[in-house]
């Protein structure tokens, strides 16, 4: 009796933790954002305030929140400005300046390529989500079909190959480039965005399959599980 009551309390505690976990993570993310962004930009944005008021313990959090909001507004304004010729001109000047700084240019170009690859405007680089057998036969992995293989690689192989980007979980910015025959690539119906969610979540966020009839038929054709 006492053991069952203890198990009930333990389960109630774990249920409470699961309910509070999203709130706690959200709080940590916003606290980190306000501390890092607002705290770093506070002396720059509110340079006109007296030092004792700017560093006061009761008012510091207010200045950090206001500074974070101002930074978010400025970044949003920069995004709108970059849509126009005048804005693109100054953004291009800033990029050329950064690219000419030794060391900084290499880091900037690398980060820019990663961001461009996974941004919405270049999402077409991944034409579709595919399934391949990797790293061994009978083991499947989610990948993205990018393009047909061309050049020397295609010329020196027996058949036609296709490029498949196989991202890692939960960080999809790293991965492997695999060149596979088309018959070894299984097309999936899910969108590229849903494929990204599946990979980043480690498989916990599974997109729904709108083709219910095909899903039912696929489940019916699965072999029976082995007896326990």
Protein backbone atom coordinates (compact mmCIF):
# COMPACT_ATOMS: atom_id res chain seq x y z
CA UNK A 1 0.00 0.00 0.00
CA UNK A 2 2.76 2.41 0.96
CA UNK A 3 4.72 1.44 -2.14
CA UNK A 4 1.76 2.16 -4.45
CA UNK A 5 1.23 5.52 -2.76
CA UNK A 6 4.90 6.33 -3.27
CA UNK A 7 4.63 5.35 -6.95
CA UNK A 8 1.55 7.56 -7.30
CA UNK A 9 3.42 10.52 -5.80
CA UNK A 10 6.38 9.87 -8.08
CA UNK A 11 4.15 9.75 -11.16
CA UNK A 12 2.39 12.95 -10.08
CA UNK A 13 5.76 14.65 -9.62
CA UNK A 14 6.96 13.54 -13.06
CA UNK A 15 3.68 14.70 -14.63
CA UNK A 16 4.17 18.10 -13.00
CA UNK A 17 7.71 18.29 -14.36
CA UNK A 18 6.48 17.49 -17.87
CA UNK A 19 3.85 20.21 -17.62
CA UNK A 20 6.38 22.79 -16.38
CA UNK A 21 9.19 21.82 -18.78
CA UNK A 22 7.95 23.88 -21.79
CA UNK A 23 7.40 26.91 -19.54
CA UNK A 24 10.84 26.52 -17.96
CA UNK A 25 12.60 26.16 -21.31
CA UNK A 26 10.73 29.19 -22.68
CA UNK A 27 11.73 31.21 -19.63
CA UNK A 28 15.38 30.16 -19.97
CA UNK A 29 15.47 31.06 -23.67
CA UNK A 30 13.95 34.50 -23.15
CA UNK A 31 16.11 35.15 -20.07
CA UNK A 32 19.23 34.27 -22.06
CA UNK A 33 18.07 36.45 -24.95
CA UNK A 34 17.36 39.45 -22.74
CA UNK A 35 20.59 39.02 -20.79
CA UNK A 36 22.81 38.56 -23.84
CA UNK A 37 21.18 40.93 -26.31
CA UNK A 38 19.72 43.52 -23.96
CA UNK A 39 22.59 43.46 -21.51
CA UNK A 40 25.18 43.88 -24.26
CA UNK A 41 23.34 46.66 -26.09
CA UNK A 42 22.09 48.52 -23.01
CA UNK A 43 25.16 50.79 -22.60
CA UNK A 44 25.08 51.64 -26.32
CA UNK A 45 21.37 52.37 -26.66
CA UNK A 46 20.96 54.21 -23.34
CA UNK A 47 24.31 56.01 -23.21
CA UNK A 48 22.50 59.24 -22.31
CA UNK A 49 21.22 57.87 -18.99
CA UNK A 50 23.15 58.46 -15.76
CA UNK A 51 25.38 55.57 -14.78
CA UNK A 52 23.73 55.05 -11.40
CA UNK A 53 20.29 54.79 -13.04
CA UNK A 54 21.51 52.55 -15.86
CA UNK A 55 23.21 50.08 -13.49
CA UNK A 56 20.59 50.20 -10.75
CA UNK A 57 19.52 46.69 -9.75
CA UNK A 58 15.79 47.45 -9.86
CA UNK A 59 15.92 49.22 -13.24
CA UNK A 60 18.52 47.05 -15.01
CA UNK A 61 16.00 44.39 -16.10
CA UNK A 62 13.74 47.10 -17.54
CA UNK A 63 16.58 48.59 -19.60
CA UNK A 64 17.55 45.08 -20.79
CA UNK A 65 13.99 44.33 -21.94
CA UNK A 66 13.70 47.70 -23.71
CA UNK A 67 17.10 47.24 -25.33
CA UNK A 68 16.12 43.76 -26.56
CA UNK A 69 12.89 45.12 -28.07
CA UNK A 70 14.80 47.92 -29.79
CA UNK A 71 17.29 45.43 -31.25
CA UNK A 72 14.44 43.23 -32.52
CA UNK A 73 12.78 46.28 -34.12
CA UNK A 74 16.06 47.33 -35.76
CA UNK A 75 16.67 43.84 -37.14
CA UNK A 76 13.12 43.72 -38.50
CA UNK A 77 13.58 47.16 -40.08
CA UNK A 78 16.82 45.95 -41.64
CA UNK A 79 14.97 42.99 -43.14
CA UNK A 80 12.36 45.28 -44.67
CA UNK A 81 15.04 47.68 -45.89
CA UNK A 82 16.99 44.89 -47.60
CA UNK A 83 14.03 44.30 -49.94
CA UNK A 84 14.62 47.61 -51.70
CA UNK A 85 17.47 48.67 -53.99
CA UNK A 86 18.72 51.33 -51.60
CA UNK A 87 18.84 48.85 -48.72
CA UNK A 88 20.43 46.09 -50.78
CA UNK A 89 23.17 48.51 -51.81
CA UNK A 90 24.21 49.26 -48.22
CA UNK A 91 23.87 45.61 -47.18
CA UNK A 92 26.16 44.70 -50.09
CA UNK A 93 28.69 47.32 -48.97
CA UNK A 94 28.69 45.94 -45.43
CA UNK A 95 29.13 42.36 -46.72
CA UNK A 96 32.07 43.35 -48.94
CA UNK A 97 33.69 45.13 -46.00
CA UNK A 98 33.35 42.05 -43.76
CA UNK A 99 34.60 39.71 -46.48
CA UNK A 100 37.78 41.77 -46.88
CA UNK A 101 38.65 41.60 -43.17
CA UNK A 102 41.19 38.77 -42.64
CA UNK A 103 39.72 35.92 -40.62
CA UNK A 104 36.33 37.60 -40.24
CA UNK A 105 35.57 37.15 -43.93
CA UNK A 106 36.09 33.38 -43.76
CA UNK A 107 33.79 32.97 -40.77
CA UNK A 108 31.18 35.29 -42.28
CA UNK A 109 31.14 33.47 -45.63
CA UNK A 110 30.82 30.07 -43.92
CA UNK A 111 27.92 31.17 -41.73
CA UNK A 112 26.28 32.94 -44.67
CA UNK A 113 26.42 29.79 -46.81
CA UNK A 114 24.85 27.71 -44.01
CA UNK A 115 22.09 30.27 -43.45
CA UNK A 116 21.39 30.57 -47.18
CA UNK A 117 21.24 26.80 -47.54
CA UNK A 118 18.59 26.38 -44.85
CA UNK A 119 16.70 29.64 -45.42
CA UNK A 120 13.19 29.67 -46.82
CA UNK A 121 14.18 31.44 -50.04
CA UNK A 122 16.70 28.70 -50.89
CA UNK A 123 14.62 25.80 -49.59
CA UNK A 124 14.24 24.78 -53.26
CA UNK A 125 17.84 23.50 -53.07
CA UNK A 126 16.24 20.47 -51.44
CA UNK A 127 13.83 19.26 -54.10
CA UNK A 128 12.19 16.54 -51.99
CA UNK A 129 12.49 14.38 -48.90
CA UNK A 130 13.76 10.87 -49.54
CA UNK A 131 14.45 7.65 -47.68
CA UNK A 132 17.68 5.72 -48.16
CA UNK A 133 19.23 2.64 -46.61
CA UNK A 134 22.01 3.99 -44.42
CA UNK A 135 24.39 3.16 -42.77
CA UNK A 136 23.60 -0.49 -43.52
CA UNK A 137 21.03 -2.56 -45.35
CA UNK A 138 17.72 -2.66 -43.49
CA UNK A 139 18.45 0.59 -41.63
CA UNK A 140 16.80 3.69 -43.11
CA UNK A 141 17.62 7.39 -42.86
CA UNK A 142 15.87 10.59 -43.95
CA UNK A 143 17.69 12.69 -46.56
CA UNK A 144 17.07 15.45 -49.07
CA UNK A 145 17.41 15.02 -52.82
CA UNK A 146 19.36 18.01 -54.11
CA UNK A 147 20.29 17.41 -57.74
CA UNK A 148 21.52 14.93 -60.30
CA UNK A 149 25.26 14.28 -60.14
CA UNK A 150 27.22 15.97 -62.92
CA UNK A 151 30.79 16.46 -64.04
CA UNK A 152 33.71 14.15 -63.45
CA UNK A 153 31.97 12.11 -60.75
CA UNK A 154 29.14 11.18 -63.11
CA UNK A 155 31.51 10.51 -66.02
CA UNK A 156 33.65 8.08 -64.01
CA UNK A 157 30.79 6.01 -62.58
CA UNK A 158 28.88 3.25 -64.30
CA UNK A 159 25.30 4.55 -63.90
CA UNK A 160 23.45 7.80 -63.29
CA UNK A 161 23.80 9.08 -59.74
CA UNK A 162 21.80 11.55 -57.70
CA UNK A 163 23.04 13.76 -54.86
CA UNK A 164 21.39 13.20 -51.48
CA UNK A 165 22.18 15.38 -48.47
CA UNK A 166 21.93 13.32 -45.27
CA UNK A 167 21.72 15.72 -42.30
CA UNK A 168 22.60 14.85 -38.73
CA UNK A 169 20.21 14.99 -35.77
CA UNK A 170 19.44 17.37 -34.09
CA UNK A 171 21.79 19.75 -35.93
CA UNK A 172 20.90 19.63 -39.65
CA UNK A 173 23.65 22.05 -40.66
CA UNK A 174 26.11 19.16 -40.70
CA UNK A 175 25.79 15.88 -42.53
CA UNK A 176 26.96 13.81 -45.46
CA UNK A 177 26.73 14.09 -49.23
CA UNK A 178 25.81 10.72 -50.69
CA UNK A 179 25.72 9.93 -54.41
CA UNK A 180 23.30 7.10 -55.06
CA UNK A 181 21.60 5.37 -57.99
CA UNK A 182 18.01 6.53 -58.42
CA UNK A 183 16.64 3.05 -57.75
CA UNK A 184 18.14 3.13 -54.24
CA UNK A 185 16.29 6.33 -53.36
CA UNK A 186 12.71 6.16 -52.03
CA UNK A 187 10.62 9.32 -52.51
CA UNK A 188 8.49 10.52 -49.59
CA UNK A 189 5.35 12.66 -49.78
CA UNK A 190 6.15 14.92 -46.82
CA UNK A 191 7.34 18.47 -47.42
CA UNK A 192 10.91 19.65 -46.93
CA UNK A 193 9.80 21.68 -43.89
CA UNK A 194 8.19 18.64 -42.27
CA UNK A 195 11.31 16.61 -43.05
CA UNK A 196 13.40 19.21 -41.22
CA UNK A 197 11.08 19.07 -38.19
CA UNK A 198 11.37 15.28 -38.13
CA UNK A 199 15.18 15.44 -38.16
CA UNK A 200 15.63 18.31 -35.70
CA UNK A 201 13.21 16.73 -33.20
CA UNK A 202 15.04 13.40 -33.36
CA UNK A 203 11.91 11.69 -34.64
CA UNK A 204 9.60 12.92 -31.87
CA UNK A 205 7.67 15.24 -34.24
CA UNK A 206 6.25 12.97 -36.95
CA UNK A 207 4.36 14.74 -39.77
CA UNK A 208 0.94 13.40 -40.64
CA UNK A 209 0.49 11.50 -43.90
CA UNK A 210 -2.49 12.91 -45.81
CA UNK A 211 -2.80 9.79 -47.97
CA UNK A 212 -4.81 7.82 -45.41
CA UNK A 213 -5.66 5.01 -47.82
CA UNK A 214 -2.01 4.44 -48.67
CA UNK A 215 -1.08 4.55 -44.99
CA UNK A 216 -3.70 1.94 -44.14
CA UNK A 217 -2.59 -0.31 -46.99
CA UNK A 218 1.06 0.04 -45.98
CA UNK A 219 0.27 -0.92 -42.38
CA UNK A 220 -1.78 -3.92 -43.51
CA UNK A 221 1.10 -5.17 -45.64
CA UNK A 222 3.60 -5.01 -42.80
CA UNK A 223 4.78 -8.42 -41.56
CA UNK A 224 3.47 -9.58 -38.21
CA UNK A 225 5.78 -8.81 -35.26
CA UNK A 226 7.80 -11.73 -33.88
CA UNK A 227 6.34 -13.40 -30.79
CA UNK A 228 7.65 -12.17 -27.48
